């Protein structure tokens, strides 16, 4: 189902003219200089490889502030929208990762002793509550609700000008429902059509679009008609478990984008994803 999003209200016009905040620095290991607004980021991988956890890591960086009083927090202080369709995302995990991040924060003071000052629990709780105000979570439970939610993004963005990241976890959750209703069967083309619908609704808003999907979700034979500069991912992040390891928490990420490809090892533990570049 495709929606037309041609009308523009006065509120939308003001929102479109407003400057979105940058996502540069969201993860300097994965993105050397980006991502830029309007980039499309694809995250693929098998189950339990950390796709949703990686999204959660990005959300933590987004919503936390850059500074808080005399403390350097290191966040981006921007808003984000998460469309949760697979229901693997846990708000408690997000809060736990925010707490772990805040425990490492220090003051700006050059004094060695003062620099050891850490955030107290009351201040950390206040920062987390304020930061969560910048996160909008939209839960979808079937294909119809998913499409309606996509259609409502224009209105949502027009009144939340601080949003710079839209995450779909995952973009393919209702593929089989759509196929049963006579939708596109070819997997690559299905993703392209979904991205076209989203891009059409977001054409007046500059933000980064990020989505997850399973590794298997691709057509047996990719054809050139699927290529589209507006929907082709700027970055592709493929997550995979290392084979032949004695421990099962060692993985690697293959990142492709900007004409470069690199692989990075990472671990998954209670502190989330830890890079081993």
Protein backbone atom coordinates (compact mmCIF):
# COMPACT_ATOMS: atom_id res chain seq x y z
CA UNK A 1 0.00 0.00 0.00
CA UNK A 2 1.49 3.36 -1.03
CA UNK A 3 0.51 6.74 0.30
CA UNK A 4 0.68 10.13 -1.34
CA UNK A 5 2.17 12.85 0.85
CA UNK A 6 1.97 15.90 -1.37
CA UNK A 7 0.18 18.45 0.82
CA UNK A 8 2.24 20.66 3.08
CA UNK A 9 0.89 22.71 5.94
CA UNK A 10 2.36 25.91 7.34
CA UNK A 11 3.69 23.97 10.32
CA UNK A 12 5.42 21.50 7.98
CA UNK A 13 6.93 24.34 6.01
CA UNK A 14 8.46 25.84 9.15
CA UNK A 15 9.69 22.39 10.19
CA UNK A 16 11.22 21.78 6.78
CA UNK A 17 13.06 25.07 6.94
CA UNK A 18 14.43 24.29 10.40
CA UNK A 19 17.95 22.91 10.62
CA UNK A 20 18.17 19.32 11.86
CA UNK A 21 21.06 18.48 14.10
CA UNK A 22 23.87 16.35 12.71
CA UNK A 23 24.48 12.68 13.52
CA UNK A 24 28.22 12.96 12.89
CA UNK A 25 30.02 11.26 15.73
CA UNK A 26 27.27 8.76 16.46
CA UNK A 27 29.89 6.01 16.15
CA UNK A 28 33.40 6.95 15.02
CA UNK A 29 34.44 3.30 14.63
CA UNK A 30 31.77 2.54 12.01
CA UNK A 31 31.44 5.97 10.41
CA UNK A 32 34.69 7.81 9.84
CA UNK A 33 33.03 11.08 8.78
CA UNK A 34 29.29 10.40 8.59
CA UNK A 35 26.52 9.74 8.59
CA UNK A 36 25.06 12.70 6.73
CA UNK A 37 21.42 13.73 6.84
CA UNK A 38 19.41 11.89 4.15
CA UNK A 39 21.74 8.86 4.36
CA UNK A 40 20.16 5.38 4.38
CA UNK A 41 21.77 2.78 6.66
CA UNK A 42 21.01 -0.93 6.32
CA UNK A 43 21.81 -3.33 9.17
CA UNK A 44 21.62 -7.05 8.37
CA UNK A 45 22.51 -10.19 10.27
CA UNK A 46 21.29 -13.51 11.59
CA UNK A 47 19.30 -13.75 14.85
CA UNK A 48 21.25 -12.96 18.05
CA UNK A 49 24.03 -11.11 16.22
CA UNK A 50 23.10 -7.78 17.80
CA UNK A 51 21.07 -5.88 15.19
CA UNK A 52 18.63 -4.42 17.71
CA UNK A 53 21.42 -3.98 20.24
CA UNK A 54 23.41 -1.94 17.72
CA UNK A 55 20.32 0.21 17.08
CA UNK A 56 20.00 0.67 20.85
CA UNK A 57 23.65 1.75 21.03
CA UNK A 58 22.98 4.41 18.36
CA UNK A 59 19.86 5.63 20.18
CA UNK A 60 21.83 6.07 23.42
CA UNK A 61 24.35 8.27 21.63
CA UNK A 62 21.59 10.26 19.93
CA UNK A 63 19.44 11.25 22.88
CA UNK A 64 22.07 11.86 25.56
CA UNK A 65 23.23 15.49 25.90
CA UNK A 66 26.65 16.74 24.90
CA UNK A 67 27.22 18.40 28.24
CA UNK A 68 25.49 18.50 31.60
CA UNK A 69 26.76 21.23 33.87
CA UNK A 70 30.46 20.61 34.40
CA UNK A 71 30.23 17.07 33.05
CA UNK A 72 31.11 15.98 29.52
CA UNK A 73 28.48 13.41 28.48
CA UNK A 74 29.42 13.04 24.81
CA UNK A 75 25.94 12.53 23.38
CA UNK A 76 24.54 14.24 20.29
CA UNK A 77 21.45 15.75 21.94
CA UNK A 78 19.17 14.97 18.97
CA UNK A 79 15.81 13.29 18.70
CA UNK A 80 15.01 9.86 17.26
CA UNK A 81 11.96 7.84 16.23
CA UNK A 82 11.98 4.06 16.57
CA UNK A 83 9.36 2.04 14.71
CA UNK A 84 9.35 -1.25 16.61
CA UNK A 85 7.83 -4.01 14.46
CA UNK A 86 9.82 -7.09 15.51
CA UNK A 87 9.45 -6.26 19.22
CA UNK A 88 13.03 -7.14 20.07
CA UNK A 89 13.73 -3.69 21.46
CA UNK A 90 13.66 -3.31 25.26
CA UNK A 91 13.46 0.10 26.88
CA UNK A 92 15.08 -1.28 30.03
CA UNK A 93 18.16 -2.28 28.00
CA UNK A 94 18.34 1.25 26.59
CA UNK A 95 18.20 2.72 30.10
CA UNK A 96 20.86 0.27 31.34
CA UNK A 97 23.21 1.28 28.51
CA UNK A 98 22.58 4.95 29.29
CA UNK A 99 23.45 4.33 32.94
CA UNK A 100 26.67 2.53 31.98
CA UNK A 101 27.62 5.41 29.69
CA UNK A 102 26.96 8.02 32.40
CA UNK A 103 29.04 6.09 34.95
CA UNK A 104 32.10 6.75 32.77
CA UNK A 105 31.54 10.50 32.47
CA UNK A 106 33.95 12.93 34.10
CA UNK A 107 34.16 16.66 34.69
CA UNK A 108 35.94 19.20 32.49
CA UNK A 109 38.21 20.31 35.30
CA UNK A 110 41.95 20.19 34.69
CA UNK A 111 42.48 19.45 38.34
CA UNK A 112 43.43 15.78 38.62
CA UNK A 113 41.45 15.14 41.79
CA UNK A 114 38.37 17.01 40.61
CA UNK A 115 38.54 15.16 37.29
CA UNK A 116 37.78 11.96 39.16
CA UNK A 117 34.36 13.29 40.11
CA UNK A 118 31.60 11.12 38.73
CA UNK A 119 27.88 11.68 38.29
CA UNK A 120 25.78 10.82 41.33
CA UNK A 121 22.77 8.54 40.85
CA UNK A 122 20.22 11.33 41.24
CA UNK A 123 21.86 13.42 38.49
CA UNK A 124 22.19 10.38 36.22
CA UNK A 125 18.49 9.61 36.69
CA UNK A 126 17.57 13.19 35.82
CA UNK A 127 19.72 13.10 32.65
CA UNK A 128 18.13 9.82 31.56
CA UNK A 129 14.60 11.14 32.07
CA UNK A 130 15.35 14.31 30.12
CA UNK A 131 17.06 12.33 27.36
CA UNK A 132 14.15 9.90 26.95
CA UNK A 133 11.91 12.86 26.08
CA UNK A 134 13.79 12.98 22.75
CA UNK A 135 12.92 9.37 21.87
CA UNK A 136 9.60 8.45 20.25
CA UNK A 137 8.76 4.73 20.13
CA UNK A 138 6.03 3.58 17.72
CA UNK A 139 4.94 -0.05 18.09
CA UNK A 140 3.29 -1.79 15.15
CA UNK A 141 1.53 -5.15 15.38
CA UNK A 142 0.35 -5.81 11.82
CA UNK A 143 0.83 -4.63 8.25
CA UNK A 144 -2.13 -2.24 8.25
CA UNK A 145 -0.96 -0.51 11.42
CA UNK A 146 2.56 -0.37 10.00
CA UNK A 147 1.38 1.43 6.87
CA UNK A 148 -0.81 3.83 8.84
CA UNK A 149 2.12 4.63 11.12
CA UNK A 150 4.33 5.35 8.11
CA UNK A 151 1.65 7.69 6.81
CA UNK A 152 1.58 9.54 10.14
CA UNK A 153 5.32 10.26 10.14
CA UNK A 154 4.88 13.60 8.33
CA UNK A 155 2.63 14.95 11.05
CA UNK A 156 4.88 13.57 13.78
CA UNK A 157 8.01 15.15 12.31
CA UNK A 158 6.30 18.48 11.70
CA UNK A 159 5.81 18.94 15.46
CA UNK A 160 9.12 17.34 16.52
CA UNK A 161 11.78 19.30 14.69
CA UNK A 162 14.58 17.93 16.83
CA UNK A 163 14.34 14.44 15.23
CA UNK A 164 17.33 13.49 13.08
CA UNK A 165 17.10 9.67 13.09
CA UNK A 166 14.32 7.31 12.02
CA UNK A 167 14.85 3.61 12.79
CA UNK A 168 12.76 0.70 11.48
CA UNK A 169 13.39 -2.52 13.38
CA UNK A 170 12.67 -4.26 11.10
CA UNK A 171 11.58 -3.08 7.67
CA UNK A 172 10.49 -6.59 6.62
CA UNK A 173 8.42 -7.64 9.64
CA UNK A 174 5.14 -7.89 7.71
CA UNK A 175 6.41 -9.18 4.40
CA UNK A 176 4.48 -12.44 4.60
CA UNK A 177 1.26 -10.64 5.56
CA UNK A 178 1.67 -8.35 2.55
CA UNK A 179 2.41 -11.28 0.25
CA UNK A 180 -0.74 -13.08 1.46
CA UNK A 181 -2.71 -9.96 0.53
CA UNK A 182 -1.28 -9.90 -2.98
CA UNK A 183 1.76 -7.70 -2.33
CA UNK A 184 5.21 -7.84 -3.93
CA UNK A 185 6.81 -11.29 -3.57
CA UNK A 186 10.37 -10.47 -4.67
CA UNK A 187 12.23 -9.62 -1.47
CA UNK A 188 14.64 -7.01 -2.88
CA UNK A 189 11.79 -5.26 -4.66
CA UNK A 190 9.66 -5.38 -1.50
CA UNK A 191 12.36 -3.52 0.47
CA UNK A 192 12.74 -0.99 -2.34
CA UNK A 193 8.98 -0.33 -2.40
CA UNK A 194 8.91 0.13 1.36
CA UNK A 195 11.81 2.58 1.21
CA UNK A 196 10.14 4.49 -1.62
CA UNK A 197 7.00 4.87 0.48
CA UNK A 198 9.01 6.08 3.47
CA UNK A 199 11.13 8.46 1.39
CA UNK A 200 8.01 9.91 -0.22
CA UNK A 201 6.54 10.71 3.19
CA UNK A 202 9.86 12.12 4.43
CA UNK A 203 10.90 14.02 1.33
CA UNK A 204 10.54 17.40 3.05
CA UNK A 205 12.49 16.36 6.16
CA UNK A 206 16.22 15.87 6.40
CA UNK A 207 17.13 12.96 8.65
CA UNK A 208 19.02 9.66 8.65
CA UNK A 209 16.97 6.55 7.86
CA UNK A 210 18.15 3.29 9.43
CA UNK A 211 16.55 -0.13 9.10
CA UNK A 212 17.26 -3.74 10.03
CA UNK A 213 16.50 -6.97 8.20
CA UNK A 214 17.46 -10.63 8.35
CA UNK A 215 20.42 -11.88 6.30
CA UNK A 216 18.24 -14.29 4.30
CA UNK A 217 15.88 -11.51 3.20
CA UNK A 218 17.10 -10.99 -0.35
CA UNK A 219 16.05 -12.23 -3.75
CA UNK A 220 17.87 -15.24 -5.21
CA UNK A 221 18.80 -13.18 -8.25
CA UNK A 222 19.21 -9.44 -7.86
CA UNK A 223 18.27 -7.45 -10.94
CA UNK A 224 19.32 -3.99 -12.00
CA UNK A 225 15.75 -2.68 -11.81
CA UNK A 226 15.98 -2.71 -8.02
CA UNK A 227 18.71 -0.04 -8.04
CA UNK A 228 17.52 3.39 -6.99
CA UNK A 229 19.82 6.15 -5.72
CA UNK A 230 17.15 7.38 -3.29
CA UNK A 231 16.64 3.96 -1.71
CA UNK A 232 20.07 2.35 -2.16
CA UNK A 233 21.75 2.24 1.29
CA UNK A 234 24.57 4.72 1.83
CA UNK A 235 26.03 2.30 4.37
CA UNK A 236 25.54 -1.44 4.76
CA UNK A 237 26.40 -3.03 8.11
CA UNK A 238 26.40 -6.83 8.15
CA UNK A 239 26.72 -8.55 11.52
CA UNK A 240 27.90 -12.14 11.84
CA UNK A 241 29.19 -14.49 14.51
CA UNK A 242 32.80 -15.64 14.21
CA UNK A 243 33.05 -19.33 13.46
CA UNK A 244 35.19 -21.80 15.38
CA UNK A 245 35.38 -19.70 18.54
CA UNK A 246 35.54 -21.28 21.99
CA UNK A 247 33.33 -18.48 23.30
CA UNK A 248 30.13 -17.54 21.55
CA UNK A 249 30.23 -13.78 22.13
CA UNK A 250 32.78 -12.85 19.46
CA UNK A 251 31.35 -11.39 16.26
CA UNK A 252 32.42 -9.26 13.34
CA UNK A 253 30.77 -6.42 11.47
CA UNK A 254 31.38 -5.78 7.78
CA UNK A 255 30.77 -2.13 6.95
CA UNK A 256 30.42 -0.98 3.35
CA UNK A 257 29.97 2.62 2.32
CA UNK A 258 31.60 5.65 0.71
CA UNK A 259 33.49 3.30 -1.61
CA UNK A 260 35.17 1.49 1.30
CA UNK A 261 34.70 -1.83 3.06
CA UNK A 262 36.10 -2.80 6.44
CA UNK A 263 35.59 -5.50 9.07
CA UNK A 264 35.52 -4.90 12.81
CA UNK A 265 35.43 -7.46 15.61
CA UNK A 266 33.01 -6.93 18.47
CA UNK A 267 31.75 -8.62 21.60
CA UNK A 268 28.28 -8.76 23.11
CA UNK A 269 28.02 -8.69 26.89
CA UNK A 270 26.13 -6.91 29.66
CA UNK A 271 27.56 -3.57 28.55
CA UNK A 272 26.14 -4.04 25.02
CA UNK A 273 28.35 -4.07 21.94
CA UNK A 274 32.06 -3.45 22.43
CA UNK A 275 34.22 -2.83 19.37
CA UNK A 276 37.65 -4.40 18.99
CA UNK A 277 38.99 -2.44 15.98
